[in-house]
């Protein structure tokens, strides 16, 4: 218990760092995932190709390698931002590929006749997707989206290796101060558990309110 009470501010900074990464990267992943899912089912061939390439590349690229590419590669091209912003970009883009596929699977569960009926009423593809298809698709994919965002929260631990303040990185300082490595990681695990359980509870409430009845 001493490792927590003696270093509460250090744990607090790490916890808030992980929470910040999780929240902003989740927002970015949801926005990009929605856009890419729209591209993948769009009637325009070039958009479908772009969405497919985006998902294929990111899903098959190790997240650590993507961190190297974003945090160390982009500054070489003159794009200089705080490392936590780069970490959010890497996490958000990576997770967006999985969000995209989750949404696309939900879109495929919506009967095609509904989209055709919307277009027969004069609605554009974007209008039918936003007003008819996606609201129904979202109801069926609430649980897998929640699971994907929980994975994002845990993946944020990689950011600590790139000078980004986050929860897992606190073990280095505590280890140097001579604290028990076991208890150090126990309290780190508790911090991650708080975040992941909060995400799980949020999506459980959303599923009960808007999810498909089982």
N, C-alpha and C. Protein backbone atom coordinates (compact mmCIF):
# COMPACT_ATOMS: atom_id res chain seq x y z
N UNK A 1 0.83 -1.21 0.00
CA UNK A 1 0.00 0.00 0.00
C UNK A 1 0.86 1.26 0.00
N UNK A 2 2.07 1.15 0.61
CA UNK A 2 2.95 2.32 0.70
C UNK A 2 3.32 2.86 -0.67
N UNK A 3 3.49 1.95 -1.65
CA UNK A 3 3.90 2.40 -2.97
C UNK A 3 2.84 3.32 -3.58
N UNK A 4 1.58 3.11 -3.24
CA UNK A 4 0.51 3.97 -3.74
C UNK A 4 0.43 5.28 -2.96
N UNK A 5 0.39 5.18 -1.65
CA UNK A 5 0.25 6.38 -0.83
C UNK A 5 1.45 7.31 -0.94
N UNK A 6 2.65 6.72 -1.04
CA UNK A 6 3.86 7.55 -1.13
C UNK A 6 4.03 8.19 -2.50
N UNK A 7 3.38 7.63 -3.51
CA UNK A 7 3.58 8.12 -4.88
C UNK A 7 2.24 8.37 -5.58
N UNK A 8 1.27 8.85 -4.80
CA UNK A 8 -0.06 9.04 -5.35
C UNK A 8 -0.07 10.04 -6.50
N UNK A 9 0.72 11.12 -6.37
CA UNK A 9 0.75 12.12 -7.44
C UNK A 9 1.33 11.54 -8.72
N UNK A 10 2.35 10.67 -8.59
CA UNK A 10 2.95 10.04 -9.77
C UNK A 10 1.96 9.11 -10.45
N UNK A 11 1.28 8.30 -9.64
CA UNK A 11 0.24 7.43 -10.20
C UNK A 11 -0.88 8.26 -10.82
N UNK A 12 -1.22 9.37 -10.15
CA UNK A 12 -2.29 10.22 -10.66
C UNK A 12 -1.96 10.80 -12.03
N UNK A 13 -0.72 11.26 -12.20
CA UNK A 13 -0.32 11.80 -13.49
C UNK A 13 -0.36 10.71 -14.57
N UNK A 14 0.12 9.53 -14.22
CA UNK A 14 0.08 8.43 -15.18
C UNK A 14 -1.33 8.02 -15.54
N UNK A 15 -2.21 7.97 -14.51
CA UNK A 15 -3.61 7.60 -14.75
C UNK A 15 -4.29 8.62 -15.65
N UNK A 16 -4.10 9.90 -15.34
CA UNK A 16 -4.72 10.95 -16.16
C UNK A 16 -4.15 10.95 -17.58
N UNK A 17 -2.85 10.65 -17.70
CA UNK A 17 -2.25 10.56 -19.04
C UNK A 17 -2.87 9.45 -19.86
N UNK A 18 -3.06 8.28 -19.24
CA UNK A 18 -3.70 7.16 -19.94
C UNK A 18 -5.15 7.48 -20.26
N UNK A 19 -5.84 8.13 -19.33
CA UNK A 19 -7.24 8.50 -19.55
C UNK A 19 -7.36 9.49 -20.71
N UNK A 20 -6.46 10.45 -20.76
CA UNK A 20 -6.48 11.43 -21.85
C UNK A 20 -6.22 10.76 -23.19
N UNK A 21 -5.22 9.89 -23.23
CA UNK A 21 -4.93 9.15 -24.47
C UNK A 21 -6.16 8.35 -24.91
N UNK A 22 -6.78 7.68 -23.95
CA UNK A 22 -7.92 6.82 -24.27
C UNK A 22 -9.10 7.62 -24.82
N UNK A 23 -9.41 8.72 -24.16
CA UNK A 23 -10.58 9.52 -24.56
C UNK A 23 -10.39 10.12 -25.95
N UNK A 24 -9.27 10.82 -26.16
CA UNK A 24 -9.06 11.49 -27.44
C UNK A 24 -8.82 10.51 -28.57
N UNK A 25 -8.09 9.44 -28.31
CA UNK A 25 -7.86 8.44 -29.36
C UNK A 25 -9.16 7.72 -29.69
N UNK A 26 -10.03 7.51 -28.71
CA UNK A 26 -11.33 6.87 -28.96
C UNK A 26 -12.20 7.75 -29.85
N UNK A 27 -12.21 9.04 -29.57
CA UNK A 27 -13.00 9.97 -30.40
C UNK A 27 -12.48 9.94 -31.84
N UNK A 28 -11.15 10.01 -31.99
CA UNK A 28 -10.57 9.98 -33.33
C UNK A 28 -10.87 8.67 -34.03
N UNK A 29 -10.78 7.56 -33.31
CA UNK A 29 -11.03 6.24 -33.90
C UNK A 29 -12.49 6.11 -34.34
N UNK A 30 -13.42 6.62 -33.53
CA UNK A 30 -14.83 6.52 -33.89
C UNK A 30 -15.15 7.37 -35.11
N UNK A 31 -14.58 8.57 -35.18
CA UNK A 31 -14.83 9.45 -36.33
C UNK A 31 -14.24 8.84 -37.60
N UNK A 32 -12.97 8.45 -37.53
CA UNK A 32 -12.32 7.86 -38.71
C UNK A 32 -12.96 6.52 -39.08
N UNK A 33 -13.34 5.74 -38.07
CA UNK A 33 -13.98 4.46 -38.34
C UNK A 33 -15.30 4.64 -39.06
N UNK A 34 -16.08 5.64 -38.65
CA UNK A 34 -17.34 5.95 -39.31
C UNK A 34 -17.10 6.37 -40.76
N UNK A 35 -16.11 7.24 -40.97
CA UNK A 35 -15.81 7.72 -42.33
C UNK A 35 -15.36 6.56 -43.21
N UNK A 36 -14.46 5.73 -42.71
CA UNK A 36 -13.95 4.62 -43.51
C UNK A 36 -15.02 3.56 -43.78
N UNK A 37 -15.89 3.33 -42.80
CA UNK A 37 -16.99 2.39 -43.04
C UNK A 37 -17.92 2.93 -44.14
N UNK A 38 -18.15 4.24 -44.13
CA UNK A 38 -18.96 4.86 -45.19
C UNK A 38 -18.28 4.70 -46.54
N UNK A 39 -16.96 4.88 -46.56
CA UNK A 39 -16.20 4.70 -47.80
C UNK A 39 -16.31 3.28 -48.31
N UNK A 40 -16.24 2.31 -47.40
CA UNK A 40 -16.21 0.91 -47.81
C UNK A 40 -17.51 0.42 -48.42
N UNK A 41 -18.61 1.10 -48.10
CA UNK A 41 -19.90 0.70 -48.68
C UNK A 41 -20.41 1.73 -49.68
N UNK A 42 -19.57 2.72 -49.99
CA UNK A 42 -19.99 3.78 -50.91
C UNK A 42 -20.11 3.25 -52.34
N UNK A 43 -20.97 3.86 -53.16
CA UNK A 43 -21.10 3.44 -54.56
C UNK A 43 -19.95 3.93 -55.44
N UNK A 44 -19.07 4.76 -54.89
CA UNK A 44 -17.94 5.30 -55.65
C UNK A 44 -16.74 4.38 -55.47
N UNK A 45 -16.23 3.84 -56.57
CA UNK A 45 -15.15 2.86 -56.52
C UNK A 45 -13.89 3.37 -55.85
N UNK A 46 -13.50 4.61 -56.12
CA UNK A 46 -12.26 5.15 -55.54
C UNK A 46 -12.36 5.24 -54.02
N UNK A 47 -13.54 5.57 -53.51
CA UNK A 47 -13.71 5.63 -52.05
C UNK A 47 -13.63 4.23 -51.44
N UNK A 48 -14.22 3.24 -52.11
CA UNK A 48 -14.14 1.87 -51.59
C UNK A 48 -12.70 1.39 -51.57
N UNK A 49 -11.93 1.72 -52.60
CA UNK A 49 -10.52 1.32 -52.65
C UNK A 49 -9.74 1.99 -51.52
N UNK A 50 -9.98 3.29 -51.32
CA UNK A 50 -9.28 4.02 -50.25
C UNK A 50 -9.59 3.41 -48.89
N UNK A 51 -10.87 3.12 -48.64
CA UNK A 51 -11.26 2.52 -47.36
C UNK A 51 -10.65 1.15 -47.17
N UNK A 52 -10.61 0.36 -48.23
CA UNK A 52 -10.03 -0.98 -48.15
C UNK A 52 -8.54 -0.91 -47.86
N UNK A 53 -7.83 -0.03 -48.54
CA UNK A 53 -6.39 0.13 -48.31
C UNK A 53 -6.12 0.59 -46.88
N UNK A 54 -6.91 1.55 -46.40
CA UNK A 54 -6.75 2.06 -45.04
C UNK A 54 -6.86 0.93 -44.02
N UNK A 55 -7.92 0.13 -44.14
CA UNK A 55 -8.15 -0.95 -43.20
C UNK A 55 -7.08 -2.03 -43.32
N UNK A 56 -6.75 -2.40 -44.55
CA UNK A 56 -5.78 -3.48 -44.77
C UNK A 56 -4.41 -3.12 -44.21
N UNK A 57 -3.96 -1.91 -44.49
CA UNK A 57 -2.64 -1.49 -44.03
C UNK A 57 -2.58 -1.40 -42.52
N UNK A 58 -3.56 -0.74 -41.91
CA UNK A 58 -3.51 -0.51 -40.47
C UNK A 58 -3.76 -1.78 -39.67
N UNK A 59 -4.66 -2.63 -40.14
CA UNK A 59 -4.93 -3.87 -39.40
C UNK A 59 -3.75 -4.82 -39.43
N UNK A 60 -2.92 -4.72 -40.45
CA UNK A 60 -1.80 -5.65 -40.60
C UNK A 60 -0.46 -5.02 -40.25
N UNK A 61 -0.49 -3.83 -39.64
CA UNK A 61 0.74 -3.18 -39.19
C UNK A 61 0.82 -3.27 -37.67
N UNK A 62 1.92 -3.79 -37.11
CA UNK A 62 2.04 -3.82 -35.65
C UNK A 62 1.93 -2.41 -35.07
N UNK A 63 1.22 -2.28 -33.95
CA UNK A 63 0.98 -0.96 -33.37
C UNK A 63 2.30 -0.28 -32.98
N UNK A 64 3.25 -1.05 -32.48
CA UNK A 64 4.55 -0.47 -32.11
C UNK A 64 5.23 0.14 -33.32
N UNK A 65 5.16 -0.54 -34.45
CA UNK A 65 5.76 -0.02 -35.67
C UNK A 65 5.05 1.27 -36.11
N UNK A 66 3.75 1.31 -35.93
CA UNK A 66 2.99 2.52 -36.27
C UNK A 66 3.39 3.69 -35.37
N UNK A 67 3.64 3.40 -34.10
CA UNK A 67 4.13 4.44 -33.19
C UNK A 67 5.47 4.98 -33.67
N UNK A 68 6.36 4.09 -34.06
CA UNK A 68 7.65 4.54 -34.59
C UNK A 68 7.46 5.41 -35.82
N UNK A 69 6.57 5.00 -36.71
CA UNK A 69 6.35 5.73 -37.96
C UNK A 69 5.79 7.12 -37.69
N UNK A 70 4.85 7.22 -36.74
CA UNK A 70 4.20 8.51 -36.47
C UNK A 70 5.07 9.41 -35.60
N UNK A 71 5.57 8.87 -34.47
CA UNK A 71 6.28 9.70 -33.51
C UNK A 71 7.69 10.06 -33.97
N UNK A 72 8.31 9.17 -34.76
CA UNK A 72 9.67 9.45 -35.20
C UNK A 72 9.74 9.81 -36.68
N UNK A 73 8.73 9.38 -37.46
CA UNK A 73 8.77 9.63 -38.89
C UNK A 73 8.22 10.99 -39.29
N UNK A 74 7.05 11.36 -38.74
CA UNK A 74 6.43 12.62 -39.14
C UNK A 74 7.29 13.85 -38.86
N UNK A 75 8.01 13.94 -37.72
CA UNK A 75 8.87 15.12 -37.50
C UNK A 75 9.93 15.30 -38.58
N UNK A 76 10.35 14.21 -39.22
CA UNK A 76 11.35 14.31 -40.29
C UNK A 76 10.79 15.03 -41.52
N UNK A 77 9.45 15.09 -41.61
CA UNK A 77 8.81 15.78 -42.72
C UNK A 77 8.31 17.17 -42.30
N UNK A 78 8.82 17.64 -41.17
CA UNK A 78 8.50 18.99 -40.72
C UNK A 78 7.28 19.12 -39.86
N UNK A 79 6.59 18.00 -39.57
CA UNK A 79 5.40 18.04 -38.72
C UNK A 79 5.83 17.80 -37.28
N UNK A 80 5.93 18.87 -36.51
CA UNK A 80 6.39 18.78 -35.13
C UNK A 80 5.23 19.09 -34.18
N UNK A 81 4.85 18.09 -33.40
CA UNK A 81 3.74 18.22 -32.44
C UNK A 81 4.18 17.57 -31.13
N UNK A 82 3.49 17.87 -30.03
CA UNK A 82 3.78 17.17 -28.78
C UNK A 82 3.65 15.66 -28.95
N UNK A 83 4.47 14.90 -28.23
CA UNK A 83 4.46 13.46 -28.39
C UNK A 83 3.11 12.84 -28.03
N UNK A 84 2.39 13.43 -27.08
CA UNK A 84 1.08 12.85 -26.73
C UNK A 84 0.08 13.00 -27.88
N UNK A 85 0.22 14.08 -28.68
CA UNK A 85 -0.64 14.25 -29.85
C UNK A 85 -0.31 13.18 -30.90
N UNK A 86 0.99 12.95 -31.11
CA UNK A 86 1.40 11.89 -32.03
C UNK A 86 0.86 10.53 -31.56
N UNK A 87 0.92 10.29 -30.24
CA UNK A 87 0.43 9.02 -29.70
C UNK A 87 -1.07 8.87 -29.94
N UNK A 88 -1.82 9.95 -29.78
CA UNK A 88 -3.27 9.93 -30.04
C UNK A 88 -3.53 9.61 -31.51
N UNK A 89 -2.74 10.22 -32.40
CA UNK A 89 -2.89 9.94 -33.84
C UNK A 89 -2.63 8.47 -34.14
N UNK A 90 -1.55 7.92 -33.57
CA UNK A 90 -1.20 6.53 -33.84
C UNK A 90 -2.29 5.59 -33.30
N UNK A 91 -2.70 5.80 -32.06
CA UNK A 91 -3.73 4.95 -31.46
C UNK A 91 -5.07 5.08 -32.18
N UNK A 92 -5.45 6.33 -32.48
CA UNK A 92 -6.74 6.57 -33.12
C UNK A 92 -6.82 5.99 -34.51
N UNK A 93 -5.78 6.21 -35.30
CA UNK A 93 -5.77 5.68 -36.67
C UNK A 93 -5.77 4.15 -36.67
N UNK A 94 -4.94 3.57 -35.81
CA UNK A 94 -4.86 2.11 -35.74
C UNK A 94 -6.22 1.51 -35.37
N UNK A 95 -6.85 2.05 -34.33
CA UNK A 95 -8.11 1.50 -33.85
C UNK A 95 -9.25 1.78 -34.82
N UNK A 96 -9.13 2.86 -35.61
CA UNK A 96 -10.20 3.19 -36.56
C UNK A 96 -10.42 2.07 -37.58
N UNK A 97 -9.36 1.34 -37.91
CA UNK A 97 -9.50 0.24 -38.87
C UNK A 97 -10.42 -0.85 -38.31
N UNK A 98 -10.31 -1.11 -37.01
CA UNK A 98 -11.15 -2.13 -36.38
C UNK A 98 -12.57 -1.62 -36.18
N UNK A 99 -12.69 -0.33 -35.82
CA UNK A 99 -14.02 0.26 -35.71
C UNK A 99 -14.74 0.23 -37.05
N UNK A 100 -14.00 0.52 -38.11
CA UNK A 100 -14.56 0.50 -39.45
C UNK A 100 -15.16 -0.87 -39.78
N UNK A 101 -14.41 -1.93 -39.50
CA UNK A 101 -14.89 -3.27 -39.83
C UNK A 101 -16.07 -3.68 -38.95
N UNK A 102 -16.06 -3.22 -37.69
CA UNK A 102 -17.21 -3.50 -36.82
C UNK A 102 -18.46 -2.83 -37.38
N UNK A 103 -18.33 -1.54 -37.76
CA UNK A 103 -19.47 -0.82 -38.32
C UNK A 103 -19.93 -1.44 -39.64
N UNK A 104 -18.96 -1.83 -40.46
CA UNK A 104 -19.32 -2.42 -41.76
C UNK A 104 -20.08 -3.73 -41.56
N UNK A 105 -19.68 -4.51 -40.57
CA UNK A 105 -20.41 -5.75 -40.30
C UNK A 105 -21.83 -5.44 -39.85
N UNK A 106 -21.99 -4.35 -39.08
CA UNK A 106 -23.33 -3.94 -38.67
C UNK A 106 -24.15 -3.46 -39.84
N UNK A 107 -23.53 -2.72 -40.75
CA UNK A 107 -24.23 -2.25 -41.94
C UNK A 107 -24.73 -3.42 -42.77
N UNK A 108 -23.94 -4.49 -42.84
CA UNK A 108 -24.31 -5.65 -43.64
C UNK A 108 -25.49 -6.41 -43.05
N UNK A 109 -25.80 -6.16 -41.75
CA UNK A 109 -26.96 -6.83 -41.15
C UNK A 109 -28.27 -6.11 -41.47
N UNK A 110 -28.18 -4.88 -41.96
CA UNK A 110 -29.39 -4.12 -42.30
C UNK A 110 -29.89 -4.59 -43.66
N UNK A 111 -31.13 -4.97 -43.78
CA UNK A 111 -31.66 -5.44 -45.07
C UNK A 111 -31.43 -4.41 -46.19
N UNK A 112 -30.94 -4.88 -47.32
CA UNK A 112 -30.64 -3.97 -48.43
C UNK A 112 -31.89 -3.26 -48.93
N UNK A 113 -33.04 -3.88 -48.73
CA UNK A 113 -34.29 -3.27 -49.19
C UNK A 113 -34.57 -1.93 -48.52
N UNK A 114 -34.06 -1.73 -47.32
CA UNK A 114 -34.32 -0.47 -46.64
C UNK A 114 -33.56 0.67 -47.30
N UNK A 115 -32.31 0.40 -47.68
CA UNK A 115 -31.54 1.41 -48.40
C UNK A 115 -32.15 1.71 -49.75
N UNK A 116 -32.61 0.65 -50.43
CA UNK A 116 -33.22 0.84 -51.74
C UNK A 116 -34.53 1.63 -51.62
N UNK A 117 -35.29 1.36 -50.55
CA UNK A 117 -36.54 2.10 -50.35
C UNK A 117 -36.25 3.58 -50.09
N UNK A 118 -35.18 3.84 -49.33
CA UNK A 118 -34.82 5.24 -49.04
C UNK A 118 -34.42 5.96 -50.32
N UNK A 119 -33.66 5.28 -51.18
CA UNK A 119 -33.24 5.92 -52.44
C UNK A 119 -34.42 6.11 -53.39
N UNK A 120 -35.39 5.20 -53.31
CA UNK A 120 -36.57 5.35 -54.17
C UNK A 120 -37.41 6.56 -53.76
N UNK A 121 -37.22 6.99 -52.52
CA UNK A 121 -37.92 8.18 -52.03
C UNK A 121 -37.16 9.46 -52.34
N UNK A 122 -36.04 9.31 -53.04
CA UNK A 122 -35.26 10.48 -53.45
C UNK A 122 -34.12 10.82 -52.52
N UNK A 123 -33.84 9.98 -51.52
CA UNK A 123 -32.73 10.25 -50.61
C UNK A 123 -31.41 9.88 -51.26
N UNK A 124 -30.39 10.68 -51.00
CA UNK A 124 -29.06 10.38 -51.53
C UNK A 124 -28.44 9.24 -50.73
N UNK A 125 -27.29 8.75 -51.22
CA UNK A 125 -26.60 7.68 -50.50
C UNK A 125 -26.24 8.13 -49.09
N UNK A 126 -25.71 9.35 -48.98
CA UNK A 126 -25.33 9.86 -47.67
C UNK A 126 -26.50 10.00 -46.74
N UNK A 127 -27.64 10.46 -47.26
CA UNK A 127 -28.83 10.62 -46.43
C UNK A 127 -29.38 9.27 -45.97
N UNK A 128 -29.44 8.31 -46.88
CA UNK A 128 -29.95 6.99 -46.49
C UNK A 128 -29.01 6.29 -45.52
N UNK A 129 -27.69 6.50 -45.70
CA UNK A 129 -26.72 5.89 -44.80
C UNK A 129 -26.83 6.50 -43.40
N UNK A 130 -26.91 7.83 -43.35
CA UNK A 130 -26.94 8.50 -42.06
C UNK A 130 -28.26 8.40 -41.33
N UNK A 131 -29.36 8.40 -42.07
CA UNK A 131 -30.68 8.42 -41.43
C UNK A 131 -31.33 7.05 -41.29
N UNK A 132 -30.97 6.11 -42.16
CA UNK A 132 -31.65 4.81 -42.16
C UNK A 132 -30.72 3.67 -41.75
N UNK A 133 -29.59 3.55 -42.43
CA UNK A 133 -28.73 2.37 -42.27
C UNK A 133 -27.90 2.41 -40.99
N UNK A 134 -27.12 3.48 -40.81
CA UNK A 134 -26.20 3.52 -39.67
C UNK A 134 -26.89 3.47 -38.31
N UNK A 135 -28.02 4.18 -38.12
CA UNK A 135 -28.68 4.05 -36.81
C UNK A 135 -29.06 2.61 -36.47
N UNK A 136 -29.50 1.84 -37.47
CA UNK A 136 -29.83 0.44 -37.22
C UNK A 136 -28.58 -0.40 -37.02
N UNK A 137 -27.54 -0.10 -37.81
CA UNK A 137 -26.29 -0.86 -37.70
C UNK A 137 -25.65 -0.63 -36.33
N UNK A 138 -25.71 0.62 -35.85
CA UNK A 138 -25.08 0.95 -34.57
C UNK A 138 -25.66 0.14 -33.43
N UNK A 139 -26.96 -0.12 -33.47
CA UNK A 139 -27.62 -0.87 -32.40
C UNK A 139 -27.04 -2.27 -32.25
N UNK A 140 -26.61 -2.86 -33.35
CA UNK A 140 -26.12 -4.23 -33.30
C UNK A 140 -24.62 -4.33 -33.02
N UNK A 141 -23.92 -3.21 -33.06
CA UNK A 141 -22.45 -3.27 -32.90
C UNK A 141 -21.98 -2.55 -31.63
N UNK A 142 -22.88 -2.21 -30.74
CA UNK A 142 -22.47 -1.53 -29.50
C UNK A 142 -21.48 -2.37 -28.70
N UNK A 143 -21.74 -3.67 -28.44
CA UNK A 143 -20.78 -4.46 -27.65
C UNK A 143 -19.39 -4.57 -28.28
N UNK A 144 -19.28 -4.90 -29.59
CA UNK A 144 -17.93 -5.00 -30.16
C UNK A 144 -17.19 -3.67 -30.22
N UNK A 145 -17.90 -2.56 -30.37
CA UNK A 145 -17.24 -1.26 -30.33
C UNK A 145 -16.66 -1.02 -28.93
N UNK A 146 -17.44 -1.37 -27.90
CA UNK A 146 -16.95 -1.25 -26.54
C UNK A 146 -15.70 -2.08 -26.31
N UNK A 147 -15.70 -3.31 -26.81
CA UNK A 147 -14.53 -4.18 -26.67
C UNK A 147 -13.31 -3.61 -27.39
N UNK A 148 -13.54 -3.00 -28.54
CA UNK A 148 -12.44 -2.40 -29.30
C UNK A 148 -11.84 -1.22 -28.56
N UNK A 149 -12.68 -0.41 -27.93
CA UNK A 149 -12.18 0.74 -27.18
C UNK A 149 -11.49 0.31 -25.89
N UNK A 150 -11.90 -0.79 -25.30
CA UNK A 150 -11.19 -1.33 -24.15
C UNK A 150 -9.79 -1.77 -24.57
N UNK A 151 -9.69 -2.40 -25.74
CA UNK A 151 -8.37 -2.77 -26.27
C UNK A 151 -7.51 -1.54 -26.52
N UNK A 152 -8.14 -0.45 -26.99
CA UNK A 152 -7.40 0.80 -27.21
C UNK A 152 -6.81 1.31 -25.90
N UNK A 153 -7.60 1.27 -24.83
CA UNK A 153 -7.11 1.74 -23.53
C UNK A 153 -5.88 0.95 -23.09
N UNK A 154 -5.89 -0.35 -23.31
CA UNK A 154 -4.74 -1.17 -22.93
C UNK A 154 -3.56 -0.95 -23.88
N UNK A 155 -3.85 -0.72 -25.15
CA UNK A 155 -2.77 -0.47 -26.13
C UNK A 155 -2.05 0.85 -25.87
N UNK A 156 -2.70 1.76 -25.14
CA UNK A 156 -2.07 3.05 -24.86
C UNK A 156 -0.80 2.90 -24.04
N UNK A 157 -0.60 1.74 -23.43
CA UNK A 157 0.61 1.50 -22.64
C UNK A 157 1.88 1.61 -23.49
N UNK A 158 1.75 1.37 -24.80
CA UNK A 158 2.91 1.46 -25.69
C UNK A 158 3.46 2.88 -25.72
N UNK A 159 2.59 3.87 -25.51
CA UNK A 159 3.01 5.27 -25.60
C UNK A 159 4.09 5.62 -24.59
N UNK A 160 4.14 4.89 -23.47
CA UNK A 160 5.14 5.18 -22.44
C UNK A 160 6.56 5.00 -22.93
N UNK A 161 6.73 4.15 -23.92
CA UNK A 161 8.08 3.92 -24.48
C UNK A 161 8.53 5.07 -25.36
N UNK A 162 7.64 6.03 -25.62
CA UNK A 162 7.96 7.16 -26.50
C UNK A 162 7.82 8.49 -25.75
N UNK A 163 8.20 8.46 -24.48
CA UNK A 163 8.24 9.68 -23.65
C UNK A 163 6.88 10.33 -23.46
N UNK A 164 5.82 9.54 -23.53
CA UNK A 164 4.47 10.05 -23.27
C UNK A 164 4.07 9.64 -21.86
N UNK A 165 3.55 10.57 -21.10
CA UNK A 165 3.14 10.28 -19.73
C UNK A 165 1.90 9.40 -19.73
N UNK A 166 2.03 8.21 -19.20
CA UNK A 166 0.88 7.30 -19.09
C UNK A 166 1.15 6.35 -17.93
N UNK A 167 0.17 5.53 -17.61
CA UNK A 167 0.17 4.77 -16.37
C UNK A 167 1.29 3.74 -16.28
N UNK A 168 1.48 2.95 -17.31
CA UNK A 168 2.48 1.89 -17.25
C UNK A 168 3.89 2.45 -17.06
N UNK A 169 4.15 3.62 -17.64
CA UNK A 169 5.48 4.20 -17.56
C UNK A 169 5.91 4.58 -16.15
N UNK A 170 4.97 4.63 -15.20
CA UNK A 170 5.33 5.00 -13.83
C UNK A 170 6.22 3.95 -13.17
N UNK A 171 6.18 2.71 -13.68
CA UNK A 171 6.97 1.66 -13.04
C UNK A 171 8.47 1.95 -13.12
N UNK A 172 8.92 2.65 -14.15
CA UNK A 172 10.35 2.93 -14.29
C UNK A 172 10.84 3.78 -13.12
N UNK A 173 10.11 4.86 -12.83
CA UNK A 173 10.49 5.74 -11.73
C UNK A 173 10.41 5.01 -10.40
N UNK A 174 9.34 4.26 -10.19
CA UNK A 174 9.15 3.56 -8.92
C UNK A 174 10.19 2.46 -8.73
N UNK A 175 10.59 1.82 -9.80
CA UNK A 175 11.62 0.79 -9.72
C UNK A 175 12.96 1.39 -9.33
N UNK A 176 13.25 2.58 -9.89
CA UNK A 176 14.50 3.27 -9.55
C UNK A 176 14.50 3.72 -8.09
N UNK A 177 13.32 4.00 -7.54
CA UNK A 177 13.22 4.42 -6.14
C UNK A 177 13.26 3.25 -5.18
N UNK A 178 13.26 2.03 -5.71
CA UNK A 178 13.42 0.85 -4.87
C UNK A 178 12.15 0.22 -4.36
N UNK A 179 11.01 0.61 -4.92
CA UNK A 179 9.75 0.02 -4.47
C UNK A 179 9.57 -1.38 -5.07
N UNK A 180 8.77 -2.18 -4.39
CA UNK A 180 8.49 -3.55 -4.85
C UNK A 180 7.87 -3.50 -6.24
N UNK A 181 8.48 -4.22 -7.17
CA UNK A 181 7.99 -4.21 -8.54
C UNK A 181 6.62 -4.88 -8.63
N UNK A 182 6.37 -5.85 -7.74
CA UNK A 182 5.08 -6.55 -7.76
C UNK A 182 3.95 -5.60 -7.40
N UNK A 183 4.11 -4.86 -6.26
CA UNK A 183 3.07 -3.94 -5.85
C UNK A 183 2.96 -2.75 -6.79
N UNK A 184 4.07 -2.38 -7.40
CA UNK A 184 4.03 -1.31 -8.40
C UNK A 184 3.08 -1.68 -9.53
N UNK A 185 3.21 -2.92 -10.03
CA UNK A 185 2.37 -3.35 -11.14
C UNK A 185 0.95 -3.67 -10.69
N UNK A 186 0.77 -4.05 -9.44
CA UNK A 186 -0.58 -4.29 -8.93
C UNK A 186 -1.41 -3.01 -9.02
N UNK A 187 -0.83 -1.89 -8.58
CA UNK A 187 -1.58 -0.63 -8.61
C UNK A 187 -1.71 -0.08 -10.02
N UNK A 188 -0.74 -0.37 -10.87
CA UNK A 188 -0.89 0.00 -12.28
C UNK A 188 -2.07 -0.77 -12.89
N UNK A 189 -2.14 -2.07 -12.56
CA UNK A 189 -3.24 -2.89 -13.08
C UNK A 189 -4.58 -2.39 -12.58
N UNK A 190 -4.64 -1.94 -11.33
CA UNK A 190 -5.88 -1.39 -10.78
C UNK A 190 -6.30 -0.15 -11.57
N UNK A 191 -5.33 0.69 -11.92
CA UNK A 191 -5.64 1.88 -12.72
C UNK A 191 -6.24 1.53 -14.06
N UNK A 192 -5.64 0.56 -14.75
CA UNK A 192 -6.20 0.13 -16.04
C UNK A 192 -7.57 -0.51 -15.86
N UNK A 193 -7.74 -1.23 -14.76
CA UNK A 193 -9.02 -1.88 -14.50
C UNK A 193 -10.12 -0.84 -14.32
N UNK A 194 -9.81 0.25 -13.64
CA UNK A 194 -10.80 1.32 -13.44
C UNK A 194 -11.25 1.88 -14.79
N UNK A 195 -10.28 2.12 -15.68
CA UNK A 195 -10.61 2.70 -16.99
C UNK A 195 -11.42 1.72 -17.83
N UNK A 196 -10.98 0.47 -17.89
CA UNK A 196 -11.67 -0.51 -18.74
C UNK A 196 -13.05 -0.85 -18.20
N UNK A 197 -13.19 -0.91 -16.87
CA UNK A 197 -14.51 -1.17 -16.31
C UNK A 197 -15.46 -0.01 -16.55
N UNK A 198 -14.93 1.22 -16.54
CA UNK A 198 -15.76 2.39 -16.83
C UNK A 198 -16.26 2.33 -18.28
N UNK A 199 -15.39 1.96 -19.21
CA UNK A 199 -15.80 1.82 -20.61
C UNK A 199 -16.84 0.72 -20.75
N UNK A 200 -16.60 -0.40 -20.08
CA UNK A 200 -17.54 -1.53 -20.13
C UNK A 200 -18.90 -1.14 -19.58
N UNK A 201 -18.90 -0.40 -18.47
CA UNK A 201 -20.17 0.02 -17.87
C UNK A 201 -20.91 0.98 -18.78
N UNK A 202 -20.18 1.91 -19.40
CA UNK A 202 -20.80 2.86 -20.32
C UNK A 202 -21.48 2.15 -21.48
N UNK A 203 -20.78 1.20 -22.09
CA UNK A 203 -21.36 0.51 -23.24
C UNK A 203 -22.44 -0.48 -22.82
N UNK A 204 -22.38 -0.96 -21.58
CA UNK A 204 -23.47 -1.80 -21.08
C UNK A 204 -24.76 -0.99 -20.98
N UNK A 205 -24.64 0.23 -20.48
CA UNK A 205 -25.81 1.12 -20.39
C UNK A 205 -26.33 1.44 -21.79
N UNK A 206 -25.41 1.73 -22.73
CA UNK A 206 -25.82 2.03 -24.10
C UNK A 206 -26.51 0.83 -24.74
N UNK A 207 -25.99 -0.37 -24.46
CA UNK A 207 -26.60 -1.56 -25.05
C UNK A 207 -28.00 -1.79 -24.50
N UNK A 208 -28.18 -1.57 -23.20
CA UNK A 208 -29.50 -1.76 -22.60
C UNK A 208 -30.50 -0.75 -23.15
N UNK A 209 -30.00 0.45 -23.48
CA UNK A 209 -30.92 1.50 -23.94
C UNK A 209 -31.19 1.41 -25.43
N UNK A 210 -30.13 1.18 -26.21
CA UNK A 210 -30.28 1.25 -27.68
C UNK A 210 -29.99 -0.07 -28.39
N UNK A 211 -29.45 -1.07 -27.69
CA UNK A 211 -29.04 -2.28 -28.35
C UNK A 211 -30.21 -3.10 -28.87
N UNK A 212 -29.88 -4.07 -29.71
CA UNK A 212 -30.90 -4.97 -30.26
C UNK A 212 -31.38 -5.91 -29.16
N UNK A 213 -32.67 -6.03 -29.00
CA UNK A 213 -33.23 -6.91 -27.98
C UNK A 213 -32.89 -8.36 -28.29
N UNK A 214 -32.51 -9.10 -27.24
CA UNK A 214 -32.11 -10.49 -27.44
C UNK A 214 -33.13 -11.42 -26.76
